[in-house]
PDB file of N, CA and C in Angstrom:
ATOM      1  N   MET A   1       9.368  -6.611   1.060  1.00  0.00           N
ATOM      2  CA  MET A   1       9.889  -6.681  -0.403  1.00  0.00           C
ATOM      3  C   MET A   1       9.445  -5.980  -1.362  1.00  0.00           C
ATOM      4  N   LEU A   2      10.164  -4.858  -1.958  1.00  0.00           N
ATOM      5  CA  LEU A   2       9.613  -4.443  -3.031  1.00  0.00           C
ATOM      6  C   LEU A   2       9.987  -5.116  -4.548  1.00  0.00           C
ATOM      7  N   GLN A   3       9.440  -5.571  -5.413  1.00  0.00           N
ATOM      8  CA  GLN A   3      10.285  -5.619  -6.994  1.00  0.00           C
ATOM      9  C   GLN A   3       9.759  -4.984  -8.068  1.00  0.00           C
ATOM     10  N   TYR A   4      10.110  -3.641  -7.875  1.00  0.00           N
ATOM     11  CA  TYR A   4       8.978  -2.778  -8.634  1.00  0.00           C
ATOM     12  C   TYR A   4       9.449  -2.912 -10.535  1.00  0.00           C
ATOM     13  N   SER A   5       8.479  -3.324 -11.397  1.00  0.00           N
ATOM     14  CA  SER A   5       8.738  -3.714 -12.691  1.00  0.00           C
ATOM     15  C   SER A   5       8.147  -2.535 -13.847  1.00  0.00           C
ATOM     16  N   GLY A   6       7.202  -1.601 -12.734  1.00  0.00           N
ATOM     17  CA  GLY A   6       7.654  -0.448 -14.039  1.00  0.00           C
ATOM     18  C   GLY A   6       5.708  -0.036 -13.640  1.00  0.00           C
ATOM     19  N   ASN A   7       5.065   0.356 -14.685  1.00  0.00           N
ATOM     20  CA  ASN A   7       3.541   0.921 -14.350  1.00  0.00           C
ATOM     21  C   ASN A   7       3.008   1.425 -13.400  1.00  0.00           C
ATOM     22  N   ASN A   8       3.903   2.064 -12.338  1.00  0.00           N
ATOM     23  CA  ASN A   8       3.588   2.673 -11.592  1.00  0.00           C
ATOM     24  C   ASN A   8       2.971   1.831 -10.284  1.00  0.00           C
ATOM     25  N   PHE A   9       3.449   0.610 -10.017  1.00  0.00           N
ATOM     26  CA  PHE A   9       2.711  -0.051  -9.299  1.00  0.00           C
ATOM     27  C   PHE A   9       3.343  -1.151  -8.741  1.00  0.00           C
ATOM     28  N   THR A  10       3.786  -1.246  -7.359  1.00  0.00           N
ATOM     29  CA  THR A  10       4.346  -2.770  -7.198  1.00  0.00           C
ATOM     30  C   THR A  10       2.902  -2.845  -5.736  1.00  0.00           C
ATOM     31  N   SER A  11       3.584  -4.578  -5.205  1.00  0.00           N
ATOM     32  CA  SER A  11       2.779  -5.220  -4.521  1.00  0.00           C
ATOM     33  C   SER A  11       4.114  -4.883  -3.299  1.00  0.00           C
ATOM     34  N   ILE A  12       3.438  -4.749  -1.919  1.00  0.00           N
ATOM     35  CA  ILE A  12       4.907  -5.254  -0.934  1.00  0.00           C
ATOM     36  C   ILE A  12       4.233  -6.642  -0.473  1.00  0.00           C
ATOM     37  N   ILE A  13       5.529  -7.267  -0.205  1.00  0.00           N
ATOM     38  CA  ILE A  13       5.165  -8.466   0.197  1.00  0.00           C
ATOM     39  C   ILE A  13       5.984  -9.222   1.326  1.00  0.00           C
ATOM     40  N   SER A  14       6.044 -10.055   2.157  1.00  0.00           N
ATOM     41  CA  SER A  14       6.680 -10.390   3.001  1.00  0.00           C
ATOM     42  C   SER A  14       7.198 -12.132   3.241  1.00  0.00           C
ATOM     43  N   PRO A  15       8.510 -12.577   3.069  1.00  0.00           N
ATOM     44  CA  PRO A  15       8.732 -13.765   2.672  1.00  0.00           C
ATOM     45  C   PRO A  15       8.870 -14.550   3.847  1.00  0.00           C
ATOM     46  N   PHE A  16       8.395 -13.839   4.849  1.00  0.00           N
ATOM     47  CA  PHE A  16       7.823 -14.812   6.575  1.00  0.00           C
ATOM     48  C   PHE A  16       6.687 -13.904   7.063  1.00  0.00           C
ATOM     49  N   ARG A  17       6.038 -14.141   8.119  1.00  0.00           N
ATOM     50  CA  ARG A  17       5.401 -13.855   8.768  1.00  0.00           C
ATOM     51  C   ARG A  17       5.417 -13.984  10.249  1.00  0.00           C
ATOM     52  N   VAL A  18       5.182 -12.572  11.157  1.00  0.00           N
ATOM     53  CA  VAL A  18       4.999 -13.209  12.846  1.00  0.00           C
ATOM     54  C   VAL A  18       4.067 -13.227  13.566  1.00  0.00           C
ATOM     55  N   ILE A  19       3.946 -15.026  13.888  1.00  0.00           N
ATOM     56  CA  ILE A  19       3.231 -15.524  14.373  1.00  0.00           C
ATOM     57  C   ILE A  19       2.815 -15.687  15.950  1.00  0.00           C
ATOM     58  N   ASP A  20       3.138 -14.987  17.421  1.00  0.00           N
ATOM     59  CA  ASP A  20       2.567 -15.058  18.311  1.00  0.00           C
ATOM     60  C   ASP A  20       3.385 -13.794  18.995  1.00  0.00           C
ATOM     61  N   GLU A  21       3.069 -13.588  20.028  1.00  0.00           N
ATOM     62  CA  GLU A  21       3.666 -12.371  20.608  1.00  0.00           C
ATOM     63  C   GLU A  21       5.704 -11.996  21.051  1.00  0.00           C
ATOM     64  N   HIS A  22       5.438 -12.870  20.834  1.00  0.00           N
ATOM     65  CA  HIS A  22       7.526 -13.716  21.196  1.00  0.00           C
ATOM     66  C   HIS A  22       8.365 -13.286  20.127  1.00  0.00           C
ATOM     67  N   GLY A  23       7.503 -12.799  18.998  1.00  0.00           N
ATOM     68  CA  GLY A  23       8.036 -12.575  17.567  1.00  0.00           C
ATOM     69  C   GLY A  23       8.560 -13.652  16.964  1.00  0.00           C
ATOM     70  N   SER A  24       8.121 -15.236  16.883  1.00  0.00           N
ATOM     71  CA  SER A  24       8.152 -16.124  16.168  1.00  0.00           C
ATOM     72  C   SER A  24       7.875 -15.515  14.778  1.00  0.00           C
ATOM     73  N   VAL A  25       8.682 -16.612  14.104  1.00  0.00           N
ATOM     74  CA  VAL A  25       7.819 -16.116  12.411  1.00  0.00           C
ATOM     75  C   VAL A  25       7.933 -18.064  11.743  1.00  0.00           C
ATOM     76  N   THR A  26       7.561 -17.459  10.485  1.00  0.00           N
ATOM     77  CA  THR A  26       7.068 -18.516  10.366  1.00  0.00           C
ATOM     78  C   THR A  26       7.295 -18.030   8.649  1.00  0.00           C
ATOM     79  N   ALA A  27       7.842 -19.454   7.725  1.00  0.00           N
ATOM     80  CA  ALA A  27       7.936 -18.877   6.203  1.00  0.00           C
ATOM     81  C   ALA A  27       5.920 -19.011   5.290  1.00  0.00           C
ATOM     82  N   ASP A  28       6.395 -18.070   4.831  1.00  0.00           N
ATOM     83  CA  ASP A  28       4.743 -17.913   4.201  1.00  0.00           C
ATOM     84  C   ASP A  28       5.204 -16.515   3.329  1.00  0.00           C
ATOM     85  N   ILE A  29       4.424 -16.023   2.651  1.00  0.00           N
ATOM     86  CA  ILE A  29       4.062 -15.421   0.998  1.00  0.00           C
ATOM     87  C   ILE A  29       3.188 -13.963   2.144  1.00  0.00           C
ATOM     88  N   TYR A  30       3.500 -12.930   2.972  1.00  0.00           N
ATOM     89  CA  TYR A  30       2.262 -12.322   3.285  1.00  0.00           C
ATOM     90  C   TYR A  30       2.768 -11.625   2.441  1.00  0.00           C
ATOM     91  N   PHE A  31       0.937 -11.254   2.114  1.00  0.00           N
ATOM     92  CA  PHE A  31       0.685  -9.458   1.006  1.00  0.00           C
ATOM     93  C   PHE A  31       0.762  -8.290   1.727  1.00  0.00           C
ATOM     94  N   TYR A  32       1.317  -7.495   1.887  1.00  0.00           N
ATOM     95  CA  TYR A  32       1.481  -6.259   3.401  1.00  0.00           C
ATOM     96  C   TYR A  32       0.379  -4.935   2.612  1.00  0.00           C
ATOM     97  N   GLY A  33       1.015  -4.918   1.423  1.00  0.00           N
ATOM     98  CA  GLY A  33      -0.353  -4.092   0.587  1.00  0.00           C
ATOM     99  C   GLY A  33       0.215  -4.047  -0.745  1.00  0.00           C
ATOM    100  N   ALA A  34       0.194  -2.368  -1.451  1.00  0.00           N
ATOM    101  CA  ALA A  34       0.338  -2.181  -3.115  1.00  0.00           C
ATOM    102  C   ALA A  34       0.835  -0.587  -2.804  1.00  0.00           C
ATOM    103  N   ALA A  35       1.764  -0.267  -3.766  1.00  0.00           N
ATOM    104  CA  ALA A  35       2.227   0.449  -3.562  1.00  0.00           C
ATOM    105  C   ALA A  35       2.595   1.566  -5.007  1.00  0.00           C
ATOM    106  N   TYR A  36       1.491   2.815  -5.118  1.00  0.00           N
ATOM    107  CA  TYR A  36       1.186   3.401  -6.560  1.00  0.00           C
ATOM    108  C   TYR A  36       2.575   4.632  -6.148  1.00  0.00           C
ATOM    109  N   ILE A  37       3.264   4.706  -7.306  1.00  0.00           N
ATOM    110  CA  ILE A  37       4.293   6.026  -7.638  1.00  0.00           C
ATOM    111  C   ILE A  37       4.312   6.864  -9.011  1.00  0.00           C
ATOM    112  N   ASN A  38       4.006   8.071  -8.568  1.00  0.00           N
ATOM    113  CA  ASN A  38       4.434   8.871  -9.819  1.00  0.00           C
ATOM    114  C   ASN A  38       5.593   8.454 -10.735  1.00  0.00           C
ATOM    115  N   VAL A  39       5.373   8.991 -11.938  1.00  0.00           N
ATOM    116  CA  VAL A  39       6.434   8.690 -12.912  1.00  0.00           C
ATOM    117  C   VAL A  39       7.455   8.809 -12.601  1.00  0.00           C
ATOM    118  N   ALA A  40       7.870  10.757 -11.779  1.00  0.00           N
ATOM    119  CA  ALA A  40       8.307  11.346 -11.360  1.00  0.00           C
ATOM    120  C   ALA A  40       9.315  10.699 -10.064  1.00  0.00           C
ATOM    121  N   PHE A  41       8.483   9.600  -9.327  1.00  0.00           N
ATOM    122  CA  PHE A  41       8.953   8.573  -8.151  1.00  0.00           C
ATOM    123  C   PHE A  41       8.811   9.789  -7.267  1.00  0.00           C
ATOM    124  N   ASN A  42       8.761  11.180  -7.447  1.00  0.00           N
ATOM    125  CA  ASN A  42       8.534  12.076  -5.774  1.00  0.00           C
ATOM    126  C   ASN A  42       6.918  12.045  -5.402  1.00  0.00           C
ATOM    127  N   GLN A  43       6.162  11.102  -5.402  1.00  0.00           N
ATOM    128  CA  GLN A  43       5.117  11.010  -4.692  1.00  0.00           C
ATOM    129  C   GLN A  43       4.376   9.718  -4.602  1.00  0.00           C
ATOM    130  N   PHE A  44       4.086   9.093  -3.402  1.00  0.00           N
ATOM    131  CA  PHE A  44       3.811   7.480  -3.509  1.00  0.00           C
ATOM    132  C   PHE A  44       3.099   7.544  -2.149  1.00  0.00           C
ATOM    133  N   THR A  45       2.194   6.473  -2.825  1.00  0.00           N
ATOM    134  CA  THR A  45       1.241   6.166  -1.504  1.00  0.00           C
ATOM    135  C   THR A  45       1.198   4.475  -1.610  1.00  0.00           C
ATOM    136  N   ILE A  46       0.617   3.903  -0.143  1.00  0.00           N
ATOM    137  CA  ILE A  46       0.779   3.034   0.436  1.00  0.00           C
ATOM    138  C   ILE A  46      -0.342   2.017   0.985  1.00  0.00           C
ATOM    139  N   ALA A  47      -0.970   1.726  -0.119  1.00  0.00           N
ATOM    140  CA  ALA A  47      -2.439   1.263   0.551  1.00  0.00           C
ATOM    141  C   ALA A  47      -2.243  -0.272   1.588  1.00  0.00           C
ATOM    142  N   LEU A  48      -2.061  -0.628   2.625  1.00  0.00           N
ATOM    143  CA  LEU A  48      -2.324  -1.219   3.172  1.00  0.00           C
ATOM    144  C   LEU A  48      -3.154  -2.042   3.841  1.00  0.00           C
ATOM    145  N   THR A  49      -3.485  -3.656   3.177  1.00  0.00           N
ATOM    146  CA  THR A  49      -4.138  -4.650   3.871  1.00  0.00           C
ATOM    147  C   THR A  49      -4.384  -4.793   5.335  1.00  0.00           C
ATOM    148  N   ASN A  50      -5.667  -5.661   5.768  1.00  0.00           N
ATOM    149  CA  ASN A  50      -6.250  -4.982   6.739  1.00  0.00           C
ATOM    150  C   ASN A  50      -5.715  -6.925   7.275  1.00  0.00           C
ATOM    151  N   ASP A  51      -5.747  -7.383   8.748  1.00  0.00           N
ATOM    152  CA  ASP A  51      -5.821  -8.457   8.527  1.00  0.00           C
ATOM    153  C   ASP A  51      -6.717  -9.230   8.432  1.00  0.00           C
ATOM    154  N   TRP A  52      -7.738  -8.751   8.422  1.00  0.00           N
ATOM    155  CA  TRP A  52      -9.050  -9.929   8.613  1.00  0.00           C
ATOM    156  C   TRP A  52      -9.202 -10.383   6.991  1.00  0.00           C
ATOM    157  N   ASN A  53      -9.195  -9.210   6.046  1.00  0.00           N
ATOM    158  CA  ASN A  53      -9.685  -9.388   5.092  1.00  0.00           C
ATOM    159  C   ASN A  53      -8.433 -10.012   4.244  1.00  0.00           C
ATOM    160  N   LYS A  54      -7.314  -9.428   4.314  1.00  0.00           N
ATOM    161  CA  LYS A  54      -5.892  -9.433   3.267  1.00  0.00           C
ATOM    162  C   LYS A  54      -6.210  -8.409   2.396  1.00  0.00           C
ATOM    163  N   GLN A  55      -7.128  -7.407   1.857  1.00  0.00           N
ATOM    164  CA  GLN A  55      -7.378  -6.464   0.878  1.00  0.00           C
ATOM    165  C   GLN A  55      -7.525  -5.463   1.281  1.00  0.00           C
ATOM    166  N   TRP A  56      -7.518  -4.168   0.600  1.00  0.00           N
ATOM    167  CA  TRP A  56      -7.435  -2.802   0.907  1.00  0.00           C
ATOM    168  C   TRP A  56      -8.770  -2.215   0.561  1.00  0.00           C
ATOM    169  N   THR A  57      -9.595  -1.795   0.993  1.00  0.00           N
ATOM    170  CA  THR A  57     -10.860  -1.081   0.297  1.00  0.00           C
ATOM    171  C   THR A  57     -10.261   0.545   0.688  1.00  0.00           C
ATOM    172  N   PRO A  58     -11.300   1.492   0.171  1.00  0.00           N
ATOM    173  CA  PRO A  58     -11.393   2.577   0.302  1.00  0.00           C
ATOM    174  C   PRO A  58     -11.974   3.138   1.542  1.00  0.00           C
ATOM    175  N   THR A  59     -13.003   2.437   2.368  1.00  0.00           N
ATOM    176  CA  THR A  59     -13.679   2.878   3.313  1.00  0.00           C
ATOM    177  C   THR A  59     -13.350   2.261   4.842  1.00  0.00           C
ATOM    178  N   ASP A  60     -12.260   1.372   4.804  1.00  0.00           N
ATOM    179  CA  ASP A  60     -11.347   1.013   6.541  1.00  0.00           C
ATOM    180  C   ASP A  60     -10.172   0.640   5.783  1.00  0.00           C
ATOM    181  N   GLY A  61      -9.540   1.237   4.621  1.00  0.00           N
ATOM    182  CA  GLY A  61      -8.128   0.815   4.283  1.00  0.00           C
ATOM    183  C   GLY A  61      -7.393   2.009   5.037  1.00  0.00           C
ATOM    184  N   PHE A  62      -6.431   1.531   5.379  1.00  0.00           N
ATOM    185  CA  PHE A  62      -5.060   2.278   6.203  1.00  0.00           C
ATOM    186  C   PHE A  62      -4.032   2.790   4.503  1.00  0.00           C
ATOM    187  N   MET A  63      -3.448   4.157   5.000  1.00  0.00           N
ATOM    188  CA  MET A  63      -2.952   4.064   3.816  1.00  0.00           C
ATOM    189  C   MET A  63      -1.266   4.991   4.166  1.00  0.00           C
ATOM    190  N   ILE A  64      -0.537   4.992   2.976  1.00  0.00           N
ATOM    191  CA  ILE A  64       1.092   6.028   3.297  1.00  0.00           C
ATOM    192  C   ILE A  64       1.067   6.461   2.352  1.00  0.00           C
ATOM    193  N   THR A  65       0.501   8.037   2.633  1.00  0.00           N
ATOM    194  CA  THR A  65       0.995   9.001   1.376  1.00  0.00           C
ATOM    195  C   THR A  65       1.683   9.810   1.612  1.00  0.00           C
ATOM    196  N   ALA A  66       2.957  10.387   0.389  1.00  0.00           N
ATOM    197  CA  ALA A  66       4.065  11.058   0.679  1.00  0.00           C
ATOM    198  C   ALA A  66       4.607  12.130  -0.338  1.00  0.00           C
ATOM    199  N   PRO A  67       4.612  13.366  -0.587  1.00  0.00           N
ATOM    200  CA  PRO A  67       4.159  14.358   0.694  1.00  0.00           C
ATOM    201  C   PRO A  67       3.110  14.809   0.558  1.00  0.00           C
ATOM    202  N   ALA A  68       2.896  14.721   1.881  1.00  0.00           N
ATOM    203  CA  ALA A  68       2.026  15.239   2.063  1.00  0.00           C
ATOM    204  C   ALA A  68       1.566  16.739   2.923  1.00  0.00           C
ATOM    205  N   LYS A  69       0.788  17.572   3.024  1.00  0.00           N
ATOM    206  CA  LYS A  69       1.032  18.572   4.709  1.00  0.00           C
ATOM    207  C   LYS A  69      -0.123  18.128   5.516  1.00  0.00           C
ATOM    208  N   ASP A  70      -1.088  17.479   4.674  1.00  0.00           N
ATOM    209  CA  ASP A  70      -2.520  17.211   5.545  1.00  0.00           C
ATOM    210  C   ASP A  70      -3.131  16.367   4.957  1.00  0.00           C
ATOM    211  N   ARG A  71      -4.499  15.118   5.595  1.00  0.00           N
ATOM    212  CA  ARG A  71      -5.509  14.093   4.800  1.00  0.00           C
ATOM    213  C   ARG A  71      -5.791  14.866   3.738  1.00  0.00           C
ATOM    214  N   GLU A  72      -6.379  15.904   3.279  1.00  0.00           N
ATOM    215  CA  GLU A  72      -6.496  16.125   2.442  1.00  0.00           C
ATOM    216  C   GLU A  72      -5.818  16.326   1.148  1.00  0.00           C
ATOM    217  N   GLU A  73      -4.687  16.503   1.521  1.00  0.00           N
ATOM    218  CA  GLU A  73      -3.939  16.543   0.450  1.00  0.00           C
ATOM    219  C   GLU A  73      -3.141  15.235  -0.083  1.00  0.00           C
ATOM    220  N   ALA A  74      -2.874  14.736   1.125  1.00  0.00           N
ATOM    221  CA  ALA A  74      -2.656  13.284   1.350  1.00  0.00           C
ATOM    222  C   ALA A  74      -3.933  12.399   0.519  1.00  0.00           C
ATOM    223  N   ILE A  75      -5.159  12.327   0.757  1.00  0.00           N
ATOM    224  CA  ILE A  75      -6.597  11.677  -0.427  1.00  0.00           C
ATOM    225  C   ILE A  75      -6.201  12.419  -1.954  1.00  0.00           C
ATOM    226  N   GLN A  76      -5.817  13.919  -2.048  1.00  0.00           N
ATOM    227  CA  GLN A  76      -5.760  14.050  -3.722  1.00  0.00           C
ATOM    228  C   GLN A  76      -4.445  13.609  -4.649  1.00  0.00           C
ATOM    229  N   ILE A  77      -3.359  12.891  -3.529  1.00  0.00           N
ATOM    230  CA  ILE A  77      -2.179  12.585  -4.126  1.00  0.00           C
ATOM    231  C   ILE A  77      -2.693  11.011  -4.343  1.00  0.00           C
ATOM    232  N   SER A  78      -3.019  10.453  -3.447  1.00  0.00           N
ATOM    233  CA  SER A  78      -3.513   8.939  -3.921  1.00  0.00           C
ATOM    234  C   SER A  78      -4.752   9.032  -4.238  1.00  0.00           C
ATOM    235  N   GLN A  79      -5.685   9.931  -4.845  1.00  0.00           N
ATOM    236  CA  GLN A  79      -6.519   9.326  -5.718  1.00  0.00           C
ATOM    237  C   GLN A  79      -6.204   9.988  -7.424  1.00  0.00           C
ATOM    238  N   ASP A  80      -4.799  10.875  -7.184  1.00  0.00           N
ATOM    239  CA  ASP A  80      -4.179  10.900  -9.069  1.00  0.00           C
ATOM    240  C   ASP A  80      -3.625   9.618  -9.232  1.00  0.00           C
ATOM    241  N   LEU A  81      -2.737   8.735  -8.226  1.00  0.00           N
ATOM    242  CA  LEU A  81      -1.609   8.592  -8.027  1.00  0.00           C
ATOM    243  C   LEU A  81      -2.847   5.998  -8.437  1.00  0.00           C
ATOM    244  N   MET A  82      -3.951   6.245  -7.775  1.00  0.00           N
ATOM    245  CA  MET A  82      -4.662   5.449  -7.738  1.00  0.00           C
ATOM    246  C   MET A  82      -5.786   5.469  -8.662  1.00  0.00           C
ATOM    247  N   LYS A  83      -5.863   6.606  -9.487  1.00  0.00           N
ATOM    248  CA  LYS A  83      -7.214   6.108 -10.678  1.00  0.00           C
ATOM    249  C   LYS A  83      -6.854   5.665 -11.865  1.00  0.00           C
ATOM    250  N   LYS A  84      -5.570   5.402 -12.351  1.00  0.00           N
ATOM    251  CA  LYS A  84      -5.266   4.801 -13.216  1.00  0.00           C
ATOM    252  C   LYS A  84      -5.896   3.012 -13.487  1.00  0.00           C
ATOM    253  N   PHE A  85      -5.493   2.591 -11.946  1.00  0.00           N
ATOM    254  CA  PHE A  85      -5.828   0.921 -11.946  1.00  0.00           C
ATOM    255  C   PHE A  85      -7.419   1.046 -11.246  1.00  0.00           C
ATOM    256  N   GLY A  86      -8.467   2.087 -11.435  1.00  0.00           N
ATOM    257  CA  GLY A  86      -9.556   2.053 -10.730  1.00  0.00           C
ATOM    258  C   GLY A  86     -10.109   1.841  -9.509  1.00  0.00           C
ATOM    259  N   THR A  87      -9.111   1.938  -9.000  1.00  0.00           N
ATOM    260  CA  THR A  87      -9.443   2.487  -7.532  1.00  0.00           C
ATOM    261  C   THR A  87     -10.100   3.942  -6.858  1.00  0.00           C
ATOM    262  N   ILE A  88     -11.097   3.794  -6.343  1.00  0.00           N
ATOM    263  CA  ILE A  88     -11.854   5.469  -5.939  1.00  0.00           C
ATOM    264  C   ILE A  88     -11.725   5.482  -4.442  1.00  0.00           C
ATOM    265  N   ILE A  89     -10.855   6.624  -4.238  1.00  0.00           N
ATOM    266  CA  ILE A  89     -10.892   6.728  -2.815  1.00  0.00           C
ATOM    267  C   ILE A  89     -11.819   8.326  -1.970  1.00  0.00           C
ATOM    268  N   ASN A  90     -13.025   8.175  -1.146  1.00  0.00           N
ATOM    269  CA  ASN A  90     -13.715   9.201  -1.065  1.00  0.00           C
ATOM    270  C   ASN A  90     -13.119   9.671   0.188  1.00  0.00           C
TER     271      ASN A  90
END
């Protein structure tokens, strides 16, 4: 679920999560990640959390960035979108 309220950022949450290999779910607010969007809404980065610490870090975090033709361009777009929030990507 996305609830965008401006400021080029939104959290991505789920009101439930899968709890076993059979697909059983439980009611729970699960933080999936954060989305950073440019003003024109034509570039975005989603910083995905990892399961063990529920947060994203530049050294071990996963990201989805678009549009980007390669990793270098994705990193540059992500840096541009996230710098407003003090996040550094190497």
